[in-house]
Amino acid sequence: MVLKNLCVGTLSNVSLTVPGGQVVCLSGPSGSGKSRLLRAVADLEPHGGTVSVADTCQEDLPAHQWRSRVVMVPADSQWWFDEVGGHFPDHVKADLPSALGFPPEVMEWSVSRLSSGERQRLALWRALLLEPEVLLLDEPTANLDNDSTEAIETWLLEEIRRRQIAVLWVAHDVGQIHRVADAHYRIIGTSLERADGSD
């Protein structure tokens, strides 16, 4: 994925390349524009500049087609059916990854009984089932404890490498950035700047 001179909100001239199979972490102060940048890449927010994936420009595809290739997992995922299983194809319901930490019966649970962390984990699996070329993750483990966080990181990285997905991952935790990032950029003021290897 290639971003060229992307401008959204107060951010300007963001240019960035994210190769398939690699994770680029984004960090910065609250309100600096991290989520808006992800939304612009997903074509959910008006913006300037260009975004392209495998030589296809965002502006050349209808938004729904673009978002089937460039999938965003927001910090607060959306659920529209009462039962968890309503959000997943029948043929994968029995193949829930063990790293997610759910029993098979989770597909029969009401969405309302899920904690925020459980929703995050299931939203990640739902996104991967769409076979995206690009994954946009907005603090995907923010509501998980340390053990669950590291299990999810390991599972996600295996899937990202195996499927060669390009990933933009918003993170605050320095430890997580060290564990998952192939590159790390910080939002400073109105620009995106490469962070050094120490943090």
Protein backbone atom coordinates (compact mmCIF):
# COMPACT_ATOMS: atom_id res chain seq x y z
CA MET A 1 0.00 0.00 0.00
CA VAL A 2 1.25 3.47 -0.87
CA LEU A 3 0.08 6.79 0.61
CA LYS A 4 1.11 9.93 -1.28
CA ASN A 5 0.66 13.43 0.13
CA LEU A 6 -2.36 12.35 2.16
CA CYS A 7 -4.04 15.23 3.98
CA VAL A 8 -6.81 14.76 6.53
CA GLY A 9 -7.79 17.01 9.42
CA THR A 10 -4.66 18.78 10.63
CA LEU A 11 -2.35 16.16 9.12
CA SER A 12 -0.72 17.08 5.83
CA ASN A 13 1.52 15.53 3.18
CA VAL A 14 1.61 12.03 4.68
CA SER A 15 3.60 9.78 2.36
CA LEU A 16 4.18 6.19 3.40
CA THR A 17 4.70 2.74 1.90
CA VAL A 18 3.51 -0.38 3.72
CA PRO A 19 4.70 -3.59 2.04
CA GLY A 20 2.57 -6.73 2.14
CA GLY A 21 3.25 -8.84 5.21
CA GLN A 22 4.56 -5.93 7.24
CA VAL A 23 3.22 -3.89 10.16
CA VAL A 24 3.70 -0.13 10.38
CA CYS A 25 2.74 1.21 13.79
CA LEU A 26 1.39 4.73 14.27
CA SER A 27 1.57 6.56 17.58
CA GLY A 28 0.96 10.09 18.77
CA PRO A 29 -0.94 12.14 21.33
CA SER A 30 -4.67 11.69 21.79
CA GLY A 31 -6.50 13.79 19.21
CA SER A 32 -3.49 14.03 16.89
CA GLY A 33 -5.34 12.35 14.01
CA LYS A 34 -4.35 8.68 14.12
CA SER A 35 -7.89 7.34 13.75
CA ARG A 36 -8.77 9.93 11.12
CA LEU A 37 -5.73 8.85 9.10
CA LEU A 38 -6.95 5.23 9.17
CA ARG A 39 -10.44 6.37 8.19
CA ALA A 40 -9.01 8.31 5.24
CA VAL A 41 -7.10 5.25 4.04
CA ALA A 42 -10.34 3.24 4.33
CA ASP A 43 -12.19 5.93 2.31
CA LEU A 44 -14.40 6.75 5.28
CA GLU A 45 -13.20 10.34 5.68
CA PRO A 46 -12.78 13.14 3.12
CA HIS A 47 -9.11 13.73 2.38
CA GLY A 48 -6.57 14.95 -0.11
CA GLY A 49 -3.75 12.99 -1.69
CA THR A 50 -3.82 9.42 -2.97
CA VAL A 51 -3.91 5.89 -1.60
CA SER A 52 -3.16 2.87 -3.77
CA VAL A 53 -3.01 -0.88 -3.30
CA ALA A 54 -1.32 -3.10 -5.89
CA ASP A 55 -1.44 -0.33 -8.50
CA THR A 56 -5.16 0.32 -7.91
CA CYS A 57 -5.97 3.83 -6.72
CA GLN A 58 -8.65 4.42 -4.12
CA GLU A 59 -10.39 6.94 -6.38
CA ASP A 60 -10.75 4.35 -9.15
CA LEU A 61 -12.98 2.01 -7.11
CA PRO A 62 -16.43 2.46 -5.59
CA ALA A 63 -16.08 2.86 -1.82
CA HIS A 64 -17.64 -0.52 -0.97
CA GLN A 65 -15.22 -2.33 -3.29
CA TRP A 66 -12.27 -0.46 -1.81
CA ARG A 67 -13.35 -1.36 1.71
CA SER A 68 -13.54 -5.05 0.81
CA ARG A 69 -9.80 -4.86 0.07
CA VAL A 70 -8.83 -2.30 2.73
CA VAL A 71 -10.51 -3.38 5.98
CA MET A 72 -10.59 -1.22 9.10
CA VAL A 73 -11.08 -2.57 12.61
CA PRO A 74 -12.07 0.47 14.69
CA ALA A 75 -11.50 0.74 18.42
CA ASP A 76 -15.24 0.20 18.94
CA SER A 77 -16.47 -2.35 16.40
CA GLN A 78 -20.03 -2.44 15.10
CA TRP A 79 -22.41 -5.38 15.66
CA TRP A 80 -25.81 -5.47 14.01
CA PHE A 81 -27.26 -8.92 14.81
CA ASP A 82 -28.31 -10.08 18.27
CA GLU A 83 -26.28 -13.30 18.10
CA VAL A 84 -22.52 -13.45 17.58
CA GLY A 85 -22.91 -16.16 14.95
CA GLY A 86 -24.97 -13.88 12.73
CA HIS A 87 -21.78 -11.98 11.90
CA PHE A 88 -19.85 -15.01 10.64
CA PRO A 89 -20.31 -17.36 7.65
CA ASP A 90 -21.60 -20.81 8.63
CA HIS A 91 -18.57 -22.64 7.22
CA VAL A 92 -16.09 -20.94 9.58
CA LYS A 93 -18.04 -20.99 12.83
CA ALA A 94 -16.41 -24.23 13.97
CA ASP A 95 -12.92 -23.03 13.03
CA LEU A 96 -12.56 -20.24 15.57
CA PRO A 97 -8.81 -19.77 16.21
CA SER A 98 -7.78 -21.05 19.65
CA ALA A 99 -5.75 -17.86 20.23
CA LEU A 100 -9.00 -15.94 20.57
CA GLY A 101 -9.80 -17.88 23.74
CA PHE A 102 -13.48 -18.67 23.07
CA PRO A 103 -15.46 -21.91 23.39
CA PRO A 104 -17.35 -23.04 20.27
CA GLU A 105 -20.61 -21.95 21.94
CA VAL A 106 -19.59 -18.29 21.52
CA MET A 107 -21.42 -18.30 18.19
CA GLU A 108 -24.68 -18.76 20.11
CA TRP A 109 -23.97 -15.99 22.58
CA SER A 110 -25.79 -12.69 22.55
CA VAL A 111 -23.56 -9.83 21.46
CA SER A 112 -24.74 -7.91 24.52
CA ARG A 113 -22.98 -10.35 26.86
CA LEU A 114 -19.58 -9.76 25.24
CA SER A 115 -17.07 -7.56 27.02
CA SER A 116 -15.30 -4.84 25.03
CA GLY A 117 -12.19 -7.04 24.86
CA GLU A 118 -14.17 -10.02 23.59
CA ARG A 119 -15.73 -7.83 20.91
CA GLN A 120 -12.26 -6.66 19.86
CA ARG A 121 -10.99 -10.22 19.48
CA LEU A 122 -14.00 -11.33 17.45
CA ALA A 123 -13.84 -8.20 15.29
CA LEU A 124 -10.26 -9.08 14.33
CA TRP A 125 -11.31 -12.57 13.23
CA ARG A 126 -14.30 -11.12 11.33
CA ALA A 127 -11.96 -8.74 9.49
CA LEU A 128 -9.50 -11.48 8.52
CA LEU A 129 -12.33 -13.58 7.08
CA LEU A 130 -12.81 -10.85 4.47
CA GLU A 131 -9.36 -11.74 3.04
CA PRO A 132 -8.15 -8.12 3.04
CA GLU A 133 -5.06 -6.90 1.25
CA VAL A 134 -4.73 -4.10 3.83
CA LEU A 135 -5.71 -4.16 7.50
CA LEU A 136 -6.18 -0.94 9.47
CA LEU A 137 -6.09 -1.60 13.23
CA ASP A 138 -7.08 1.10 15.73
CA GLU A 139 -5.65 -0.03 19.09
CA PRO A 140 -6.88 -3.60 18.57
CA THR A 141 -5.76 -4.87 22.00
CA ALA A 142 -6.58 -1.82 24.12
CA ASN A 143 -9.13 -3.67 26.24
CA LEU A 144 -7.17 -6.90 26.76
CA ASP A 145 -4.98 -8.06 29.63
CA ASN A 146 -1.28 -8.74 29.05
CA ASP A 147 -1.61 -12.47 28.40
CA SER A 148 -4.48 -12.03 25.96
CA THR A 149 -2.66 -9.17 24.25
CA GLU A 150 0.46 -11.20 23.55
CA ALA A 151 -1.56 -14.22 22.38
CA ILE A 152 -3.49 -12.01 19.95
CA GLU A 153 -0.29 -10.32 18.74
CA THR A 154 1.34 -13.68 17.99
CA TRP A 155 -1.72 -14.99 16.16
CA LEU A 156 -2.22 -11.76 14.20
CA LEU A 157 1.41 -11.56 13.12
CA GLU A 158 1.31 -15.16 11.88
CA GLU A 159 -1.80 -14.37 9.82
CA ILE A 160 -0.33 -11.11 8.51
CA ARG A 161 2.91 -12.77 7.37
CA ARG A 162 1.17 -15.83 5.91
CA ARG A 163 -1.39 -13.80 3.98
CA GLN A 164 1.02 -10.96 3.13
CA ILE A 165 -1.36 -8.29 4.42
CA ALA A 166 -0.13 -4.70 4.64
CA VAL A 167 -1.01 -3.36 8.11
CA LEU A 168 -1.30 0.08 9.68
CA TRP A 169 -1.58 -0.45 13.45
CA VAL A 170 -2.34 2.41 15.85
CA ALA A 171 -0.65 1.66 19.19
CA HIS A 172 0.32 3.52 22.35
CA ASP A 173 2.13 0.79 24.24
CA VAL A 174 5.89 0.95 23.64
CA GLY A 175 6.29 -2.75 24.38
CA GLN A 176 3.69 -3.67 21.81
CA ILE A 177 5.29 -1.44 19.19
CA HIS A 178 8.63 -3.20 19.76
CA ARG A 179 6.97 -6.60 19.45
CA VAL A 180 4.88 -6.08 16.32
CA ALA A 181 6.25 -3.19 14.26
CA ASP A 182 8.45 -3.47 11.20
CA ALA A 183 8.45 0.34 11.20
CA HIS A 184 7.13 2.98 13.61
CA TYR A 185 5.94 6.50 12.81
CA ARG A 186 4.81 9.19 15.24
CA ILE A 187 2.40 12.02 14.56
CA ILE A 188 4.17 15.20 15.61
CA GLY A 189 2.18 18.37 15.05
CA THR A 190 0.77 18.20 11.54
CA SER A 191 3.17 15.60 10.15
CA LEU A 192 4.12 11.94 10.37
CA GLU A 193 7.74 11.30 11.31
CA ARG A 194 9.77 8.10 11.40
CA ALA A 195 10.56 7.06 14.97
CA ASP A 196 14.00 5.70 15.77
CA GLY A 197 14.62 2.08 16.74
CA SER A 198 14.74 2.73 20.48
CA ASP A 199 11.03 3.55 20.69
